Protein backbone atom coordinates (compact mmCIF):
# COMPACT_ATOMS: atom_id res chain seq x y z
CA MET A 1 53.92 -16.87 18.54
CA PHE A 2 57.40 -16.99 20.02
CA SER A 3 57.35 -17.55 23.78
CA MET A 4 60.04 -18.35 26.30
CA PHE A 5 57.84 -20.82 28.19
CA THR A 6 55.29 -23.32 26.92
CA VAL A 7 52.72 -25.70 28.39
CA THR A 8 52.69 -29.20 26.94
CA GLY A 9 49.96 -31.66 27.82
CA GLN A 10 46.67 -33.29 26.86
CA VAL A 11 43.60 -31.11 26.34
CA LEU A 12 40.94 -32.53 28.67
CA LYS A 13 38.09 -30.04 28.78
CA THR A 14 36.88 -26.63 27.70
CA PHE A 15 34.13 -24.65 29.41
CA VAL A 16 32.67 -21.18 29.81
CA GLN A 17 33.10 -19.63 33.24
CA PRO A 18 30.32 -17.12 33.92
CA GLY A 19 31.31 -13.58 34.81
CA ARG A 20 31.25 -12.43 38.42
CA LEU A 21 28.65 -10.10 39.86
CA ASP A 22 30.00 -7.11 41.81
CA LYS A 23 27.86 -6.93 44.95
CA GLU A 24 28.51 -3.22 45.46
CA THR A 25 27.83 -1.90 41.96
CA GLY A 26 25.63 -4.70 40.58
CA GLU A 27 27.77 -4.87 37.45
CA SER A 28 28.78 -8.24 36.06
CA SER A 29 32.05 -9.04 34.33
CA GLU A 30 32.21 -10.90 31.04
CA SER A 31 32.23 -14.69 30.90
CA SER A 32 35.55 -16.30 30.01
CA ILE A 33 36.44 -19.39 28.00
CA LYS A 34 38.72 -21.87 29.81
CA VAL A 35 40.75 -24.90 28.74
CA GLN A 36 42.13 -27.56 31.07
CA ILE A 37 45.41 -29.20 30.08
CA MET A 38 46.88 -32.22 31.92
CA GLY A 39 50.61 -32.93 31.92
CA GLU A 40 53.37 -34.41 34.06
CA MET A 41 55.26 -32.32 36.58
CA PRO A 42 58.67 -33.55 37.78
CA VAL A 43 59.02 -33.91 41.55
CA GLN A 44 62.05 -34.33 43.77
CA GLY A 45 63.41 -37.87 43.63
CA GLY A 46 63.07 -38.19 39.86
CA GLU A 47 59.41 -39.19 39.66
CA SER A 48 56.53 -37.14 38.34
CA ARG A 49 52.95 -36.27 39.22
CA LEU A 50 50.01 -35.35 37.03
CA ASP A 51 49.16 -31.66 37.07
CA LEU A 52 46.07 -29.95 35.70
CA ILE A 53 46.36 -26.33 34.59
CA THR A 54 43.32 -24.20 33.72
CA LEU A 55 43.91 -21.33 31.30
CA THR A 56 41.76 -18.63 29.71
CA VAL A 57 41.59 -18.85 25.91
CA GLU A 58 40.09 -16.70 23.15
CA ASN A 59 38.35 -19.39 21.07
CA GLN A 60 36.63 -22.43 22.58
CA LYS A 61 36.16 -24.16 19.20
CA THR A 62 39.93 -24.28 18.62
CA TYR A 63 40.46 -26.28 21.82
CA ASP A 64 37.27 -28.37 21.48
CA GLU A 65 38.76 -29.77 18.27
CA LEU A 66 41.91 -30.74 20.21
CA LYS A 67 40.25 -32.64 23.09
CA GLY A 68 42.24 -35.76 23.89
CA LYS A 69 45.24 -34.57 21.86
CA ARG A 70 48.65 -33.52 23.11
CA VAL A 71 49.32 -29.83 22.50
CA ARG A 72 51.91 -27.15 23.20
CA VAL A 73 50.89 -23.53 23.84
CA PRO A 74 52.87 -20.42 24.79
CA LEU A 75 52.59 -19.53 28.48
CA GLY A 76 52.90 -16.34 30.44
CA PHE A 77 52.67 -16.01 34.20
CA PHE A 78 52.92 -13.41 36.94
CA ALA A 79 52.46 -13.20 40.70
CA PRO A 80 49.96 -10.45 41.63
CA GLN A 81 50.53 -11.23 45.31
CA LYS A 82 52.74 -13.45 47.42
CA GLY A 83 51.83 -17.12 47.12
CA ASN A 84 49.56 -16.62 44.07
CA ILE A 85 50.70 -17.35 40.51
CA VAL A 86 48.48 -16.49 37.54
CA TYR A 87 49.10 -18.38 34.30
CA PHE A 88 47.82 -17.17 30.92
CA ILE A 89 48.06 -17.87 27.20
CA PRO A 90 49.17 -14.66 25.44
CA LYS A 91 46.59 -13.03 23.13
CA GLY A 92 46.84 -14.31 19.57
CA ALA A 93 48.69 -17.51 20.57
CA ARG A 94 47.63 -20.70 18.82
CA PRO A 95 48.03 -24.26 20.09
CA GLU A 96 50.43 -26.59 18.31
CA THR A 97 49.74 -30.32 18.25
CA CYS A 98 52.64 -32.56 19.19
CA ASP A 99 53.19 -36.26 19.69
CA GLU A 100 54.95 -38.06 22.54
CA GLU A 101 58.03 -38.92 20.48
CA ASN A 102 58.69 -35.39 19.20
CA SER A 103 57.91 -33.51 22.40
CA THR A 104 61.00 -31.88 23.91
CA ASP A 105 59.43 -31.63 27.35
CA SER A 106 57.30 -34.77 27.67
CA LYS A 107 57.87 -34.90 31.44
CA ALA A 108 56.90 -31.30 32.14
CA VAL A 109 53.74 -29.26 32.31
CA VAL A 110 55.72 -26.08 31.87
CA GLY A 111 58.89 -25.81 30.06
CA VAL A 112 61.23 -24.99 27.12
CA ALA A 113 63.22 -21.79 26.90
CA VAL A 114 63.82 -20.40 23.41
CA ASP A 115 67.59 -20.23 23.82
CA GLY A 116 67.79 -24.02 24.15
CA GLN A 117 67.98 -24.00 27.94
CA GLU A 118 65.37 -26.30 29.46
CA ALA A 119 63.24 -24.82 32.22
CA VAL A 120 60.55 -26.51 34.29
CA ILE A 121 58.41 -24.39 36.57
CA GLY A 122 55.86 -25.93 38.91
CA ASN A 123 52.91 -24.75 40.92
CA GLN A 124 53.56 -23.47 44.40
CA GLY A 125 54.52 -26.16 46.89
CA ALA A 126 53.27 -26.68 50.43
CA ALA A 127 55.57 -23.94 51.71
CA GLY A 128 54.13 -21.46 49.18
CA LYS A 129 57.30 -21.46 47.07
CA VAL A 130 57.48 -22.11 43.35
CA GLN A 131 59.27 -25.32 42.49
CA SER A 132 61.65 -24.81 39.60
CA HIS A 133 64.34 -26.63 37.68
CA PHE A 134 66.70 -25.23 35.08
CA ALA A 135 69.12 -27.39 33.13
CA ALA A 136 71.44 -26.76 30.22
CA PRO A 137 70.90 -28.97 27.18
CA SER A 138 73.07 -32.06 26.98
CA LYS A 139 75.82 -31.99 24.37
CA ALA A 140 75.80 -34.89 21.96
């Protein structure tokens, strides 16, 4: 799958999140399969912090086999309301294993644009704003 943004990090855990029960209708939604991926997020001042992102996936077995390994997956996101960002892995996307040396965004949880421009997008900060960083690739 070709995606503008990717998540790169270590697969820590997979789990099934039970569906929710609608109190008014009594109907329950379907359970969903989740994966938690840990990576580094750049912060102001040049340092980084660890960041855990939880994403819904189609197949738990695929990610169970990758526990403890560094992976890269396509990422989509949208803001359904102010101050709330929803991240998702597009349907049909498959994880790609990567190692530290060959990772193009080893210091980012979210990041590489397909046109060669590097992009790092963080979770919302204390002020409710999304932290972001865009940089052109260096010319060798």
